[in-house]
Amino acid sequence: MKLYAFDVDETLEISGGPIKLDQMTQLRNEGHIVGICGNWIIFVQAVTGWHDLVSFLSIGIGEKSEFLNQIKQYIRAEEYIMVGNILGVSGASDDKGAAETAGWRFIKESEFAAGAS
């Protein structure tokens, strides 16, 4: 079982990104853990039944890397993967940097949308 943390803004289709919610649902159906490490307010307002799709939400406390460290410390998984933006390349948040700081594998949003997992 892998654990996926998704950014929202410029990552998910509900906020200007290329990743469809169906792709997240597919991961969940395959038995992976899916959660949000980004603009959780937009996510819960835009996604009906959001609580059936994600296992965790970042709530804006601290840096993303700190949140990722907490998740990794307390939730067991085979692999930890952050899906999001590269600052100044594909979005306004440094999701790649947060993933690297926390020791997570990173997948750029457009690569995930195209099939990378």
PDB file of N, CA and C in Angstrom:
ATOM      1  N   MET A   1       0.841  -1.179   0.000  1.00  0.00           N
ATOM      2  CA  MET A   1       0.000   0.000   0.000  1.00  0.00           C
ATOM      3  C   MET A   1       0.888   1.246   0.000  1.00  0.00           C
ATOM      4  N   LYS A   2       0.614   2.137  -0.934  1.00  0.00           N
ATOM      5  CA  LYS A   2       1.328   3.409  -1.021  1.00  0.00           C
ATOM      6  C   LYS A   2       0.455   4.504  -0.416  1.00  0.00           C
ATOM      7  N   LEU A   3       1.100   5.582  -0.021  1.00  0.00           N
ATOM      8  CA  LEU A   3       0.377   6.734   0.490  1.00  0.00           C
ATOM      9  C   LEU A   3       0.638   7.914  -0.441  1.00  0.00           C
ATOM     10  N   TYR A   4      -0.436   8.511  -0.939  1.00  0.00           N
ATOM     11  CA  TYR A   4      -0.358   9.647  -1.854  1.00  0.00           C
ATOM     12  C   TYR A   4      -0.912  10.889  -1.184  1.00  0.00           C
ATOM     13  N   ALA A   5      -0.138  11.968  -1.198  1.00  0.00           N
ATOM     14  CA  ALA A   5      -0.592  13.275  -0.725  1.00  0.00           C
ATOM     15  C   ALA A   5      -0.672  14.192  -1.936  1.00  0.00           C
ATOM     16  N   PHE A   6      -1.847  14.745  -2.183  1.00  0.00           N
ATOM     17  CA  PHE A   6      -2.064  15.603  -3.339  1.00  0.00           C
ATOM     18  C   PHE A   6      -2.169  17.063  -2.928  1.00  0.00           C
ATOM     19  N   ASP A   7      -1.472  17.910  -3.664  1.00  0.00           N
ATOM     20  CA  ASP A   7      -1.704  19.344  -3.585  1.00  0.00           C
ATOM     21  C   ASP A   7      -3.055  19.585  -4.251  1.00  0.00           C
ATOM     22  N   VAL A   8      -3.625  20.765  -4.115  1.00  0.00           N
ATOM     23  CA  VAL A   8      -4.922  21.068  -4.723  1.00  0.00           C
ATOM     24  C   VAL A   8      -4.773  22.105  -5.829  1.00  0.00           C
ATOM     25  N   ASP A   9      -4.346  23.321  -5.483  1.00  0.00           N
ATOM     26  CA  ASP A   9      -4.271  24.412  -6.463  1.00  0.00           C
ATOM     27  C   ASP A   9      -3.303  24.064  -7.589  1.00  0.00           C
ATOM     28  N   GLU A  10      -3.787  24.204  -8.807  1.00  0.00           N
ATOM     29  CA  GLU A  10      -3.013  23.943 -10.020  1.00  0.00           C
ATOM     30  C   GLU A  10      -2.559  22.485 -10.125  1.00  0.00           C
ATOM     31  N   THR A  11      -3.186  21.613  -9.313  1.00  0.00           N
ATOM     32  CA  THR A  11      -2.888  20.183  -9.347  1.00  0.00           C
ATOM     33  C   THR A  11      -4.146  19.392  -9.693  1.00  0.00           C
ATOM     34  N   LEU A  12      -5.215  19.607  -8.936  1.00  0.00           N
ATOM     35  CA  LEU A  12      -6.469  18.891  -9.172  1.00  0.00           C
ATOM     36  C   LEU A  12      -7.376  19.667 -10.123  1.00  0.00           C
ATOM     37  N   GLU A  13      -8.209  18.940 -10.849  1.00  0.00           N
ATOM     38  CA  GLU A  13      -9.112  19.547 -11.826  1.00  0.00           C
ATOM     39  C   GLU A  13     -10.043  20.576 -11.199  1.00  0.00           C
ATOM     40  N   ILE A  14     -10.341  20.433  -9.919  1.00  0.00           N
ATOM     41  CA  ILE A  14     -11.249  21.362  -9.247  1.00  0.00           C
ATOM     42  C   ILE A  14     -10.606  22.720  -8.992  1.00  0.00           C
ATOM     43  N   SER A  15      -9.300  22.809  -9.232  1.00  0.00           N
ATOM     44  CA  SER A  15      -8.592  24.059  -8.960  1.00  0.00           C
ATOM     45  C   SER A  15      -7.526  24.352 -10.020  1.00  0.00           C
ATOM     46  N   GLY A  16      -7.903  24.175 -11.287  1.00  0.00           N
ATOM     47  CA  GLY A  16      -7.040  24.558 -12.396  1.00  0.00           C
ATOM     48  C   GLY A  16      -5.940  23.586 -12.760  1.00  0.00           C
ATOM     49  N   GLY A  17      -5.979  22.373 -12.236  1.00  0.00           N
ATOM     50  CA  GLY A  17      -4.941  21.390 -12.532  1.00  0.00           C
ATOM     51  C   GLY A  17      -5.423  20.281 -13.444  1.00  0.00           C
ATOM     52  N   PRO A  18      -4.512  19.407 -13.856  1.00  0.00           N
ATOM     53  CA  PRO A  18      -4.849  18.355 -14.806  1.00  0.00           C
ATOM     54  C   PRO A  18      -5.347  17.039 -14.198  1.00  0.00           C
ATOM     55  N   ILE A  19      -5.246  16.865 -12.894  1.00  0.00           N
ATOM     56  CA  ILE A  19      -5.591  15.573 -12.295  1.00  0.00           C
ATOM     57  C   ILE A  19      -7.080  15.497 -12.001  1.00  0.00           C
ATOM     58  N   LYS A  20      -7.696  14.462 -12.547  1.00  0.00           N
ATOM     59  CA  LYS A  20      -9.123  14.236 -12.350  1.00  0.00           C
ATOM     60  C   LYS A  20      -9.352  13.499 -11.031  1.00  0.00           C
ATOM     61  N   LEU A  21     -10.454  13.800 -10.392  1.00  0.00           N
ATOM     62  CA  LEU A  21     -10.784  13.144  -9.131  1.00  0.00           C
ATOM     63  C   LEU A  21     -10.922  11.641  -9.318  1.00  0.00           C
ATOM     64  N   ASP A  22     -11.317  11.216 -10.511  1.00  0.00           N
ATOM     65  CA  ASP A  22     -11.416   9.780 -10.792  1.00  0.00           C
ATOM     66  C   ASP A  22     -10.076   9.082 -10.632  1.00  0.00           C
ATOM     67  N   GLN A  23      -8.987   9.778 -10.913  1.00  0.00           N
ATOM     68  CA  GLN A  23      -7.661   9.182 -10.745  1.00  0.00           C
ATOM     69  C   GLN A  23      -7.362   8.941  -9.263  1.00  0.00           C
ATOM     70  N   MET A  24      -7.798   9.843  -8.419  1.00  0.00           N
ATOM     71  CA  MET A  24      -7.635   9.659  -6.980  1.00  0.00           C
ATOM     72  C   MET A  24      -8.522   8.511  -6.494  1.00  0.00           C
ATOM     73  N   THR A  25      -9.739   8.455  -7.005  1.00  0.00           N
ATOM     74  CA  THR A  25     -10.663   7.385  -6.644  1.00  0.00           C
ATOM     75  C   THR A  25     -10.092   6.029  -7.038  1.00  0.00           C
ATOM     76  N   GLN A  26      -9.467   5.957  -8.185  1.00  0.00           N
ATOM     77  CA  GLN A  26      -8.862   4.710  -8.645  1.00  0.00           C
ATOM     78  C   GLN A  26      -7.781   4.240  -7.662  1.00  0.00           C
ATOM     79  N   LEU A  27      -6.942   5.166  -7.217  1.00  0.00           N
ATOM     80  CA  LEU A  27      -5.906   4.812  -6.231  1.00  0.00           C
ATOM     81  C   LEU A  27      -6.546   4.262  -4.955  1.00  0.00           C
ATOM     82  N   ARG A  28      -7.562   4.942  -4.506  1.00  0.00           N
ATOM     83  CA  ARG A  28      -8.274   4.516  -3.282  1.00  0.00           C
ATOM     84  C   ARG A  28      -8.855   3.118  -3.469  1.00  0.00           C
ATOM     85  N   ASN A  29      -9.482   2.885  -4.637  1.00  0.00           N
ATOM     86  CA  ASN A  29     -10.073   1.580  -4.928  1.00  0.00           C
ATOM     87  C   ASN A  29      -9.027   0.473  -5.014  1.00  0.00           C
ATOM     88  N   GLU A  30      -7.800   0.830  -5.362  1.00  0.00           N
ATOM     89  CA  GLU A  30      -6.702  -0.137  -5.422  1.00  0.00           C
ATOM     90  C   GLU A  30      -6.119  -0.429  -4.041  1.00  0.00           C
ATOM     91  N   GLY A  31      -6.604   0.265  -3.020  1.00  0.00           N
ATOM     92  CA  GLY A  31      -6.163   0.010  -1.657  1.00  0.00           C
ATOM     93  C   GLY A  31      -5.102   0.948  -1.135  1.00  0.00           C
ATOM     94  N   HIS A  32      -4.788   2.001  -1.885  1.00  0.00           N
ATOM     95  CA  HIS A  32      -3.791   2.979  -1.435  1.00  0.00           C
ATOM     96  C   HIS A  32      -4.449   4.023  -0.539  1.00  0.00           C
ATOM     97  N   ILE A  33      -3.633   4.701   0.235  1.00  0.00           N
ATOM     98  CA  ILE A  33      -4.103   5.794   1.084  1.00  0.00           C
ATOM     99  C   ILE A  33      -3.976   7.084   0.280  1.00  0.00           C
ATOM    100  N   VAL A  34      -5.032   7.874   0.265  1.00  0.00           N
ATOM    101  CA  VAL A  34      -5.078   9.114  -0.507  1.00  0.00           C
ATOM    102  C   VAL A  34      -5.438  10.259   0.436  1.00  0.00           C
ATOM    103  N   GLY A  35      -4.703  11.363   0.316  1.00  0.00           N
ATOM    104  CA  GLY A  35      -4.997  12.508   1.157  1.00  0.00           C
ATOM    105  C   GLY A  35      -4.629  13.819   0.493  1.00  0.00           C
ATOM    106  N   ILE A  36      -4.902  14.892   1.197  1.00  0.00           N
ATOM    107  CA  ILE A  36      -4.683  16.248   0.689  1.00  0.00           C
ATOM    108  C   ILE A  36      -3.611  16.943   1.518  1.00  0.00           C
ATOM    109  N   CYS A  37      -2.627  17.500   0.812  1.00  0.00           N
ATOM    110  CA  CYS A  37      -1.593  18.333   1.428  1.00  0.00           C
ATOM    111  C   CYS A  37      -1.563  19.624   0.620  1.00  0.00           C
ATOM    112  N   GLY A  38      -2.553  20.451   0.844  1.00  0.00           N
ATOM    113  CA  GLY A  38      -2.707  21.679   0.074  1.00  0.00           C
ATOM    114  C   GLY A  38      -3.969  22.397   0.508  1.00  0.00           C
ATOM    115  N   ASN A  39      -4.596  23.068  -0.407  1.00  0.00           N
ATOM    116  CA  ASN A  39      -5.754  23.913  -0.138  1.00  0.00           C
ATOM    117  C   ASN A  39      -6.989  23.065   0.182  1.00  0.00           C
ATOM    118  N   TRP A  40      -7.041  22.562   1.394  1.00  0.00           N
ATOM    119  CA  TRP A  40      -8.114  21.657   1.795  1.00  0.00           C
ATOM    120  C   TRP A  40      -9.486  22.330   1.783  1.00  0.00           C
ATOM    121  N   ILE A  41      -9.529  23.632   1.984  1.00  0.00           N
ATOM    122  CA  ILE A  41     -10.816  24.343   2.000  1.00  0.00           C
ATOM    123  C   ILE A  41     -11.489  24.254   0.631  1.00  0.00           C
ATOM    124  N   ILE A  42     -10.739  24.514  -0.431  1.00  0.00           N
ATOM    125  CA  ILE A  42     -11.282  24.378  -1.784  1.00  0.00           C
ATOM    126  C   ILE A  42     -11.751  22.948  -2.011  1.00  0.00           C
ATOM    127  N   PHE A  43     -10.944  21.977  -1.555  1.00  0.00           N
ATOM    128  CA  PHE A  43     -11.262  20.569  -1.762  1.00  0.00           C
ATOM    129  C   PHE A  43     -12.588  20.192  -1.114  1.00  0.00           C
ATOM    130  N   VAL A  44     -12.766  20.503   0.153  1.00  0.00           N
ATOM    131  CA  VAL A  44     -13.994  20.087   0.841  1.00  0.00           C
ATOM    132  C   VAL A  44     -15.225  20.836   0.340  1.00  0.00           C
ATOM    133  N   GLN A  45     -15.032  22.058  -0.160  1.00  0.00           N
ATOM    134  CA  GLN A  45     -16.161  22.806  -0.697  1.00  0.00           C
ATOM    135  C   GLN A  45     -16.554  22.331  -2.089  1.00  0.00           C
ATOM    136  N   ALA A  46     -15.594  21.835  -2.863  1.00  0.00           N
ATOM    137  CA  ALA A  46     -15.849  21.462  -4.259  1.00  0.00           C
ATOM    138  C   ALA A  46     -16.192  19.993  -4.460  1.00  0.00           C
ATOM    139  N   VAL A  47     -15.802  19.142  -3.533  1.00  0.00           N
ATOM    140  CA  VAL A  47     -15.954  17.701  -3.735  1.00  0.00           C
ATOM    141  C   VAL A  47     -17.041  17.143  -2.819  1.00  0.00           C
ATOM    142  N   THR A  48     -18.158  16.792  -3.418  1.00  0.00           N
ATOM    143  CA  THR A  48     -19.233  16.149  -2.673  1.00  0.00           C
ATOM    144  C   THR A  48     -18.740  14.776  -2.220  1.00  0.00           C
ATOM    145  N   GLY A  49     -18.942  14.458  -0.976  1.00  0.00           N
ATOM    146  CA  GLY A  49     -18.487  13.170  -0.441  1.00  0.00           C
ATOM    147  C   GLY A  49     -16.984  13.083  -0.303  1.00  0.00           C
ATOM    148  N   TRP A  50     -16.340  14.225  -0.092  1.00  0.00           N
ATOM    149  CA  TRP A  50     -14.879  14.266   0.007  1.00  0.00           C
ATOM    150  C   TRP A  50     -14.353  13.301   1.058  1.00  0.00           C
ATOM    151  N   HIS A  51     -15.105  13.104   2.116  1.00  0.00           N
ATOM    152  CA  HIS A  51     -14.674  12.247   3.223  1.00  0.00           C
ATOM    153  C   HIS A  51     -14.625  10.770   2.849  1.00  0.00           C
ATOM    154  N   ASP A  52     -15.263  10.408   1.744  1.00  0.00           N
ATOM    155  CA  ASP A  52     -15.179   9.035   1.247  1.00  0.00           C
ATOM    156  C   ASP A  52     -13.977   8.843   0.328  1.00  0.00           C
ATOM    157  N   LEU A  53     -13.351   9.922  -0.081  1.00  0.00           N
ATOM    158  CA  LEU A  53     -12.228   9.858  -1.016  1.00  0.00           C
ATOM    159  C   LEU A  53     -10.877   9.968  -0.315  1.00  0.00           C
ATOM    160  N   VAL A  54     -10.765  10.841   0.667  1.00  0.00           N
ATOM    161  CA  VAL A  54      -9.467  11.071   1.293  1.00  0.00           C
ATOM    162  C   VAL A  54      -9.449  10.609   2.747  1.00  0.00           C
ATOM    163  N   SER A  55      -8.257  10.207   3.175  1.00  0.00           N
ATOM    164  CA  SER A  55      -8.055   9.745   4.547  1.00  0.00           C
ATOM    165  C   SER A  55      -7.497  10.834   5.453  1.00  0.00           C
ATOM    166  N   PHE A  56      -6.938  11.881   4.854  1.00  0.00           N
ATOM    167  CA  PHE A  56      -6.391  12.971   5.659  1.00  0.00           C
ATOM    168  C   PHE A  56      -6.410  14.271   4.864  1.00  0.00           C
ATOM    169  N   LEU A  57      -6.428  15.377   5.622  1.00  0.00           N
ATOM    170  CA  LEU A  57      -6.383  16.735   5.072  1.00  0.00           C
ATOM    171  C   LEU A  57      -5.338  17.528   5.842  1.00  0.00           C
ATOM    172  N   SER A  58      -4.524  18.279   5.128  1.00  0.00           N
ATOM    173  CA  SER A  58      -3.674  19.237   5.836  1.00  0.00           C
ATOM    174  C   SER A  58      -4.584  20.399   6.199  1.00  0.00           C
ATOM    175  N   ILE A  59      -4.361  20.988   7.326  1.00  0.00           N
ATOM    176  CA  ILE A  59      -5.249  22.072   7.736  1.00  0.00           C
ATOM    177  C   ILE A  59      -4.512  23.398   7.842  1.00  0.00           C
ATOM    178  N   GLY A  60      -3.408  23.502   7.105  1.00  0.00           N
ATOM    179  CA  GLY A  60      -2.710  24.773   7.014  1.00  0.00           C
ATOM    180  C   GLY A  60      -1.832  25.127   8.190  1.00  0.00           C
ATOM    181  N   ILE A  61      -1.531  24.150   9.036  1.00  0.00           N
ATOM    182  CA  ILE A  61      -0.670  24.422  10.178  1.00  0.00           C
ATOM    183  C   ILE A  61       0.763  24.055   9.808  1.00  0.00           C
ATOM    184  N   GLY A  62       1.646  25.040   9.802  1.00  0.00           N
ATOM    185  CA  GLY A  62       3.049  24.785   9.506  1.00  0.00           C
ATOM    186  C   GLY A  62       3.336  24.605   8.025  1.00  0.00           C
ATOM    187  N   GLU A  63       4.571  24.240   7.762  1.00  0.00           N
ATOM    188  CA  GLU A  63       5.034  24.022   6.389  1.00  0.00           C
ATOM    189  C   GLU A  63       4.555  22.665   5.884  1.00  0.00           C
ATOM    190  N   LYS A  64       4.439  22.534   4.566  1.00  0.00           N
ATOM    191  CA  LYS A  64       4.032  21.259   3.984  1.00  0.00           C
ATOM    192  C   LYS A  64       4.990  20.146   4.368  1.00  0.00           C
ATOM    193  N   SER A  65       6.264  20.439   4.374  1.00  0.00           N
ATOM    194  CA  SER A  65       7.244  19.410   4.720  1.00  0.00           C
ATOM    195  C   SER A  65       7.023  18.902   6.146  1.00  0.00           C
ATOM    196  N   GLU A  66       6.626  19.777   7.058  1.00  0.00           N
ATOM    197  CA  GLU A  66       6.347  19.368   8.439  1.00  0.00           C
ATOM    198  C   GLU A  66       5.140  18.439   8.480  1.00  0.00           C
ATOM    199  N   PHE A  67       4.114  18.773   7.717  1.00  0.00           N
ATOM    200  CA  PHE A  67       2.919  17.928   7.657  1.00  0.00           C
ATOM    201  C   PHE A  67       3.273  16.560   7.082  1.00  0.00           C
ATOM    202  N   LEU A  68       4.065  16.543   6.006  1.00  0.00           N
ATOM    203  CA  LEU A  68       4.475  15.280   5.398  1.00  0.00           C
ATOM    204  C   LEU A  68       5.292  14.442   6.374  1.00  0.00           C
ATOM    205  N   ASN A  69       6.159  15.077   7.146  1.00  0.00           N
ATOM    206  CA  ASN A  69       6.926  14.363   8.167  1.00  0.00           C
ATOM    207  C   ASN A  69       6.007  13.711   9.202  1.00  0.00           C
ATOM    208  N   GLN A  70       4.989  14.435   9.635  1.00  0.00           N
ATOM    209  CA  GLN A  70       4.031  13.902  10.610  1.00  0.00           C
ATOM    210  C   GLN A  70       3.291  12.688  10.035  1.00  0.00           C
ATOM    211  N   ILE A  71       2.829  12.814   8.804  1.00  0.00           N
ATOM    212  CA  ILE A  71       2.116  11.705   8.163  1.00  0.00           C
ATOM    213  C   ILE A  71       3.015  10.473   8.094  1.00  0.00           C
ATOM    214  N   LYS A  72       4.240  10.675   7.635  1.00  0.00           N
ATOM    215  CA  LYS A  72       5.181   9.558   7.490  1.00  0.00           C
ATOM    216  C   LYS A  72       5.509   8.921   8.844  1.00  0.00           C
ATOM    217  N   GLN A  73       5.559   9.717   9.881  1.00  0.00           N
ATOM    218  CA  GLN A  73       5.885   9.208  11.205  1.00  0.00           C
ATOM    219  C   GLN A  73       4.776   8.314  11.760  1.00  0.00           C
ATOM    220  N   TYR A  74       3.518   8.646  11.482  1.00  0.00           N
ATOM    221  CA  TYR A  74       2.416   7.962  12.147  1.00  0.00           C
ATOM    222  C   TYR A  74       1.579   7.033  11.270  1.00  0.00           C
ATOM    223  N   ILE A  75       1.712   7.121   9.961  1.00  0.00           N
ATOM    224  CA  ILE A  75       0.933   6.244   9.079  1.00  0.00           C
ATOM    225  C   ILE A  75       1.892   5.352   8.309  1.00  0.00           C
ATOM    226  N   ARG A  76       1.732   4.059   8.448  1.00  0.00           N
ATOM    227  CA  ARG A  76       2.611   3.113   7.766  1.00  0.00           C
ATOM    228  C   ARG A  76       2.186   2.935   6.320  1.00  0.00           C
ATOM    229  N   ALA A  77       3.178   2.893   5.439  1.00  0.00           N
ATOM    230  CA  ALA A  77       2.952   2.642   4.016  1.00  0.00           C
ATOM    231  C   ALA A  77       4.242   2.120   3.407  1.00  0.00           C
ATOM    232  N   GLU A  78       4.133   1.488   2.259  1.00  0.00           N
ATOM    233  CA  GLU A  78       5.317   1.000   1.544  1.00  0.00           C
ATOM    234  C   GLU A  78       6.116   2.152   0.949  1.00  0.00           C
ATOM    235  N   GLU A  79       5.395   3.186   0.536  1.00  0.00           N
ATOM    236  CA  GLU A  79       6.034   4.324  -0.116  1.00  0.00           C
ATOM    237  C   GLU A  79       5.177   5.566   0.109  1.00  0.00           C
ATOM    238  N   TYR A  80       5.841   6.716   0.182  1.00  0.00           N
ATOM    239  CA  TYR A  80       5.180   8.000   0.408  1.00  0.00           C
ATOM    240  C   TYR A  80       5.417   8.875  -0.810  1.00  0.00           C
ATOM    241  N   ILE A  81       4.321   9.359  -1.406  1.00  0.00           N
ATOM    242  CA  ILE A  81       4.406  10.079  -2.672  1.00  0.00           C
ATOM    243  C   ILE A  81       3.619  11.379  -2.585  1.00  0.00           C
ATOM    244  N   MET A  82       4.289  12.486  -2.891  1.00  0.00           N
ATOM    245  CA  MET A  82       3.640  13.798  -2.976  1.00  0.00           C
ATOM    246  C   MET A  82       3.415  14.106  -4.437  1.00  0.00           C
ATOM    247  N   VAL A  83       2.176  14.492  -4.777  1.00  0.00           N
ATOM    248  CA  VAL A  83       1.827  14.856  -6.148  1.00  0.00           C
ATOM    249  C   VAL A  83       1.460  16.331  -6.153  1.00  0.00           C
ATOM    250  N   GLY A  84       2.167  17.113  -6.970  1.00  0.00           N
ATOM    251  CA  GLY A  84       1.880  18.541  -6.978  1.00  0.00           C
ATOM    252  C   GLY A  84       2.744  19.311  -7.950  1.00  0.00           C
ATOM    253  N   ASN A  85       3.061  20.524  -7.560  1.00  0.00           N
ATOM    254  CA  ASN A  85       3.714  21.492  -8.437  1.00  0.00           C
ATOM    255  C   ASN A  85       5.206  21.632  -8.175  1.00  0.00           C
ATOM    256  N   ILE A  86       5.873  22.118  -9.207  1.00  0.00           N
ATOM    257  CA  ILE A  86       7.255  22.570  -9.081  1.00  0.00           C
ATOM    258  C   ILE A  86       7.195  24.091  -9.104  1.00  0.00           C
ATOM    259  N   LEU A  87       7.649  24.713  -8.051  1.00  0.00           N
ATOM    260  CA  LEU A  87       7.565  26.164  -7.897  1.00  0.00           C
ATOM    261  C   LEU A  87       8.149  26.884  -9.106  1.00  0.00           C
ATOM    262  N   GLY A  88       7.345  27.775  -9.696  1.00  0.00           N
ATOM    263  CA  GLY A  88       7.790  28.577 -10.829  1.00  0.00           C
ATOM    264  C   GLY A  88       7.775  27.857 -12.162  1.00  0.00           C
ATOM    265  N   VAL A  89       7.512  26.558 -12.146  1.00  0.00           N
ATOM    266  CA  VAL A  89       7.462  25.782 -13.383  1.00  0.00           C
ATOM    267  C   VAL A  89       6.023  25.401 -13.705  1.00  0.00           C
ATOM    268  N   SER A  90       5.340  24.826 -12.705  1.00  0.00           N
ATOM    269  CA  SER A  90       3.977  24.374 -12.953  1.00  0.00           C
ATOM    270  C   SER A  90       2.991  24.875 -11.909  1.00  0.00           C
ATOM    271  N   GLY A  91       3.436  25.736 -11.029  1.00  0.00           N
ATOM    272  CA  GLY A  91       2.526  26.254 -10.024  1.00  0.00           C
ATOM    273  C   GLY A  91       3.204  27.190  -9.055  1.00  0.00           C
ATOM    274  N   ALA A  92       2.414  27.656  -8.095  1.00  0.00           N
ATOM    275  CA  ALA A  92       2.899  28.648  -7.143  1.00  0.00           C
ATOM    276  C   ALA A  92       3.343  28.051  -5.814  1.00  0.00           C
ATOM    277  N   SER A  93       3.233  26.734  -5.679  1.00  0.00           N
ATOM    278  CA  SER A  93       3.689  26.125  -4.428  1.00  0.00           C
ATOM    279  C   SER A  93       4.893  25.212  -4.683  1.00  0.00           C
ATOM    280  N   ASP A  94       5.743  25.106  -3.680  1.00  0.00           N
ATOM    281  CA  ASP A  94       6.960  24.307  -3.799  1.00  0.00           C
ATOM    282  C   ASP A  94       6.725  22.898  -3.259  1.00  0.00           C
ATOM    283  N   ASP A  95       5.847  22.164  -3.933  1.00  0.00           N
ATOM    284  CA  ASP A  95       5.536  20.808  -3.498  1.00  0.00           C
ATOM    285  C   ASP A  95       6.722  19.870  -3.680  1.00  0.00           C
ATOM    286  N   LYS A  96       7.484  20.077  -4.726  1.00  0.00           N
ATOM    287  CA  LYS A  96       8.670  19.250  -4.948  1.00  0.00           C
ATOM    288  C   LYS A  96       9.664  19.451  -3.806  1.00  0.00           C
ATOM    289  N   GLY A  97       9.896  20.693  -3.431  1.00  0.00           N
ATOM    290  CA  GLY A  97      10.810  20.988  -2.331  1.00  0.00           C
ATOM    291  C   GLY A  97      10.330  20.407  -1.013  1.00  0.00           C
ATOM    292  N   ALA A  98       9.016  20.496  -0.752  1.00  0.00           N
ATOM    293  CA  ALA A  98       8.459  19.927   0.486  1.00  0.00           C
ATOM    294  C   ALA A  98       8.649  18.418   0.513  1.00  0.00           C
ATOM    295  N   ALA A  99       8.399  17.771  -0.627  1.00  0.00           N
ATOM    296  CA  ALA A  99       8.566  16.316  -0.711  1.00  0.00           C
ATOM    297  C   ALA A  99      10.022  15.929  -0.465  1.00  0.00           C
ATOM    298  N   GLU A 100      10.934  16.630  -1.102  1.00  0.00           N
ATOM    299  CA  GLU A 100      12.360  16.328  -0.937  1.00  0.00           C
ATOM    300  C   GLU A 100      12.807  16.533   0.508  1.00  0.00           C
ATOM    301  N   THR A 101      12.359  17.605   1.126  1.00  0.00           N
ATOM    302  CA  THR A 101      12.715  17.893   2.519  1.00  0.00           C
ATOM    303  C   THR A 101      12.217  16.791   3.454  1.00  0.00           C
ATOM    304  N   ALA A 102      11.027  16.256   3.162  1.00  0.00           N
ATOM    305  CA  ALA A 102      10.428  15.226   4.016  1.00  0.00           C
ATOM    306  C   ALA A 102      10.846  13.804   3.637  1.00  0.00           C
ATOM    307  N   GLY A 103      11.616  13.669   2.567  1.00  0.00           N
ATOM    308  CA  GLY A 103      12.051  12.343   2.146  1.00  0.00           C
ATOM    309  C   GLY A 103      10.992  11.543   1.404  1.00  0.00           C
ATOM    310  N   TRP A 104      10.085  12.242   0.740  1.00  0.00           N
ATOM    311  CA  TRP A 104       9.027  11.606  -0.039  1.00  0.00           C
ATOM    312  C   TRP A 104       9.412  11.611  -1.515  1.00  0.00           C
ATOM    313  N   ARG A 105       8.878  10.648  -2.271  1.00  0.00           N
ATOM    314  CA  ARG A 105       9.009  10.690  -3.725  1.00  0.00           C
ATOM    315  C   ARG A 105       8.033  11.746  -4.244  1.00  0.00           C
ATOM    316  N   PHE A 106       8.433  12.451  -5.295  1.00  0.00           N
ATOM    317  CA  PHE A 106       7.601  13.516  -5.872  1.00  0.00           C
ATOM    318  C   PHE A 106       7.194  13.157  -7.296  1.00  0.00           C
ATOM    319  N   ILE A 107       5.932  13.437  -7.622  1.00  0.00           N
ATOM    320  CA  ILE A 107       5.448  13.314  -9.004  1.00  0.00           C
ATOM    321  C   ILE A 107       4.798  14.642  -9.387  1.00  0.00           C
ATOM    322  N   LYS A 108       5.272  15.232 -10.476  1.00  0.00           N
ATOM    323  CA  LYS A 108       4.694  16.480 -10.990  1.00  0.00           C
ATOM    324  C   LYS A 108       3.263  16.204 -11.461  1.00  0.00           C
ATOM    325  N   GLU A 109       2.386  17.155 -11.210  1.00  0.00           N
ATOM    326  CA  GLU A 109       0.961  16.973 -11.488  1.00  0.00           C
ATOM    327  C   GLU A 109       0.678  16.535 -12.931  1.00  0.00           C
ATOM    328  N   SER A 110       1.346  17.121 -13.903  1.00  0.00           N
ATOM    329  CA  SER A 110       1.075  16.761 -15.294  1.00  0.00           C
ATOM    330  C   SER A 110       1.551  15.342 -15.618  1.00  0.00           C
ATOM    331  N   GLU A 111       2.624  14.902 -14.957  1.00  0.00           N
ATOM    332  CA  GLU A 111       3.109  13.536 -15.151  1.00  0.00           C
ATOM    333  C   GLU A 111       2.169  12.517 -14.527  1.00  0.00           C
ATOM    334  N   PHE A 112       1.620  12.859 -13.362  1.00  0.00           N
ATOM    335  CA  PHE A 112       0.648  11.958 -12.740  1.00  0.00           C
ATOM    336  C   PHE A 112      -0.606  11.860 -13.607  1.00  0.00           C
ATOM    337  N   ALA A 113      -1.075  13.015 -14.100  1.00  0.00           N
ATOM    338  CA  ALA A 113      -2.277  13.028 -14.948  1.00  0.00           C
ATOM    339  C   ALA A 113      -2.080  12.187 -16.201  1.00  0.00           C
ATOM    340  N   ALA A 114      -0.832  12.100 -16.650  1.00  0.00           N
ATOM    341  CA  ALA A 114      -0.513  11.327 -17.856  1.00  0.00           C
ATOM    342  C   ALA A 114      -0.257   9.840 -17.577  1.00  0.00           C
ATOM    343  N   GLY A 115      -0.346   9.460 -16.284  1.00  0.00           N
ATOM    344  CA  GLY A 115      -0.222   8.040 -15.974  1.00  0.00           C
ATOM    345  C   GLY A 115       0.880   7.633 -15.031  1.00  0.00           C
ATOM    346  N   ALA A 116       1.760   8.543 -14.646  1.00  0.00           N
ATOM    347  CA  ALA A 116       2.828   8.191 -13.697  1.00  0.00           C
ATOM    348  C   ALA A 116       2.206   7.907 -12.334  1.00  0.00           C
ATOM    349  N   SER A 117       2.730   6.917 -11.650  1.00  0.00           N
ATOM    350  CA  SER A 117       2.228   6.630 -10.302  1.00  0.00           C
ATOM    351  C   SER A 117       3.383   6.135  -9.444  1.00  0.00           C
TER     352      SER A 117
END
